[in-house]
N, C-alpha and C. Protein backbone atom coordinates (compact mmCIF):
# COMPACT_ATOMS: atom_id res chain seq x y z
N MET A 1 -1.59 -152.52 76.99
CA MET A 1 -0.57 -151.63 77.56
C MET A 1 0.45 -152.45 78.35
N THR A 2 1.69 -152.05 78.24
CA THR A 2 2.77 -152.77 78.92
C THR A 2 3.06 -152.13 80.26
N THR A 3 3.19 -152.97 81.27
CA THR A 3 3.54 -152.48 82.60
C THR A 3 5.01 -152.78 82.86
N ILE A 4 5.73 -151.78 83.32
CA ILE A 4 7.13 -151.97 83.68
C ILE A 4 7.21 -152.08 85.20
N THR A 5 7.73 -153.19 85.68
CA THR A 5 7.83 -153.42 87.11
C THR A 5 9.17 -152.92 87.64
N ASN A 6 9.28 -152.88 88.97
CA ASN A 6 10.54 -152.51 89.59
C ASN A 6 11.66 -153.47 89.19
N ASN A 7 11.30 -154.76 89.08
CA ASN A 7 12.29 -155.75 88.67
C ASN A 7 12.81 -155.46 87.27
N ASP A 8 11.90 -155.06 86.38
CA ASP A 8 12.30 -154.70 85.02
C ASP A 8 13.29 -153.54 85.06
N THR A 9 12.96 -152.54 85.86
CA THR A 9 13.82 -151.36 85.97
C THR A 9 15.19 -151.74 86.51
N LYS A 10 15.21 -152.61 87.53
CA LYS A 10 16.49 -153.06 88.10
C LYS A 10 17.31 -153.80 87.05
N SER A 11 16.65 -154.66 86.28
CA SER A 11 17.34 -155.42 85.23
C SER A 11 17.93 -154.48 84.19
N ILE A 12 17.14 -153.48 83.81
CA ILE A 12 17.61 -152.50 82.81
C ILE A 12 18.81 -151.74 83.37
N ASN A 13 18.72 -151.30 84.62
CA ASN A 13 19.82 -150.56 85.23
C ASN A 13 21.08 -151.41 85.32
N THR A 14 20.91 -152.68 85.68
CA THR A 14 22.05 -153.59 85.76
C THR A 14 22.71 -153.73 84.39
N ALA A 15 21.89 -153.91 83.37
CA ALA A 15 22.41 -154.06 82.01
C ALA A 15 23.13 -152.79 81.57
N LEU A 16 22.55 -151.63 81.85
CA LEU A 16 23.18 -150.37 81.47
C LEU A 16 24.51 -150.18 82.19
N ASN A 17 24.55 -150.54 83.46
CA ASN A 17 25.81 -150.42 84.21
C ASN A 17 26.88 -151.32 83.63
N GLN A 18 26.49 -152.53 83.20
CA GLN A 18 27.45 -153.44 82.58
C GLN A 18 27.97 -152.86 81.27
N ILE A 19 27.05 -152.26 80.50
CA ILE A 19 27.45 -151.64 79.23
C ILE A 19 28.42 -150.49 79.50
N ILE A 20 28.11 -149.67 80.49
CA ILE A 20 28.97 -148.54 80.84
C ILE A 20 30.35 -149.04 81.25
N ASP A 21 30.41 -150.10 82.06
CA ASP A 21 31.69 -150.67 82.47
C ASP A 21 32.50 -151.13 81.26
N GLU A 22 31.83 -151.79 80.31
CA GLU A 22 32.52 -152.26 79.11
C GLU A 22 33.04 -151.08 78.29
N ILE A 23 32.24 -150.02 78.18
CA ILE A 23 32.67 -148.83 77.44
C ILE A 23 33.89 -148.21 78.11
N LYS A 24 33.90 -148.17 79.44
CA LYS A 24 35.05 -147.62 80.16
C LYS A 24 36.30 -148.44 79.87
N LYS A 25 36.15 -149.78 79.84
CA LYS A 25 37.30 -150.65 79.53
C LYS A 25 37.81 -150.38 78.12
N ILE A 26 36.89 -150.23 77.18
CA ILE A 26 37.28 -149.95 75.79
C ILE A 26 38.01 -148.61 75.72
N LYS A 27 37.50 -147.61 76.43
CA LYS A 27 38.13 -146.29 76.42
C LYS A 27 39.54 -146.37 76.99
N GLU A 28 39.72 -147.14 78.07
CA GLU A 28 41.05 -147.30 78.65
C GLU A 28 42.00 -147.94 77.64
N ARG A 29 41.50 -148.96 76.93
CA ARG A 29 42.33 -149.62 75.92
C ARG A 29 42.71 -148.66 74.81
N LEU A 30 41.74 -147.85 74.38
CA LEU A 30 42.01 -146.88 73.32
C LEU A 30 43.05 -145.85 73.79
N ASP A 31 42.94 -145.41 75.03
CA ASP A 31 43.91 -144.47 75.58
C ASP A 31 45.30 -145.09 75.57
N THR A 32 45.38 -146.36 75.94
CA THR A 32 46.66 -147.07 75.94
C THR A 32 47.22 -147.17 74.53
N ILE A 33 46.37 -147.52 73.58
CA ILE A 33 46.80 -147.62 72.18
C ILE A 33 47.29 -146.25 71.69
N GLU A 34 46.57 -145.21 72.06
CA GLU A 34 46.95 -143.86 71.66
C GLU A 34 48.34 -143.52 72.20
N ASP A 35 48.58 -143.86 73.47
CA ASP A 35 49.90 -143.62 74.07
C ASP A 35 50.98 -144.41 73.35
N ASP A 36 50.67 -145.68 73.02
CA ASP A 36 51.63 -146.52 72.31
C ASP A 36 51.98 -145.92 70.95
N ILE A 37 50.98 -145.42 70.25
CA ILE A 37 51.21 -144.81 68.93
C ILE A 37 52.10 -143.58 69.08
N GLU A 38 51.81 -142.76 70.09
CA GLU A 38 52.63 -141.57 70.32
C GLU A 38 54.07 -141.96 70.61
N ASP A 39 54.26 -143.03 71.40
CA ASP A 39 55.61 -143.51 71.71
C ASP A 39 56.32 -143.96 70.44
N LEU A 40 55.61 -144.67 69.58
CA LEU A 40 56.21 -145.17 68.34
C LEU A 40 56.58 -144.02 67.40
N GLN A 41 55.78 -142.97 67.43
CA GLN A 41 56.04 -141.82 66.56
C GLN A 41 57.21 -140.99 67.09
N GLY A 42 57.57 -141.19 68.35
CA GLY A 42 58.67 -140.44 68.93
C GLY A 42 58.17 -139.14 69.43
């Protein structure tokens, strides 16, 4: 049986937070691209 320690949980949470931050950055970039496309379309 595998035991999950508090340190494991902290590491997982840290990794998830980093992933969430990266997803937010990607979403911001996509929003910017969307705005640029709308501008180009007039």
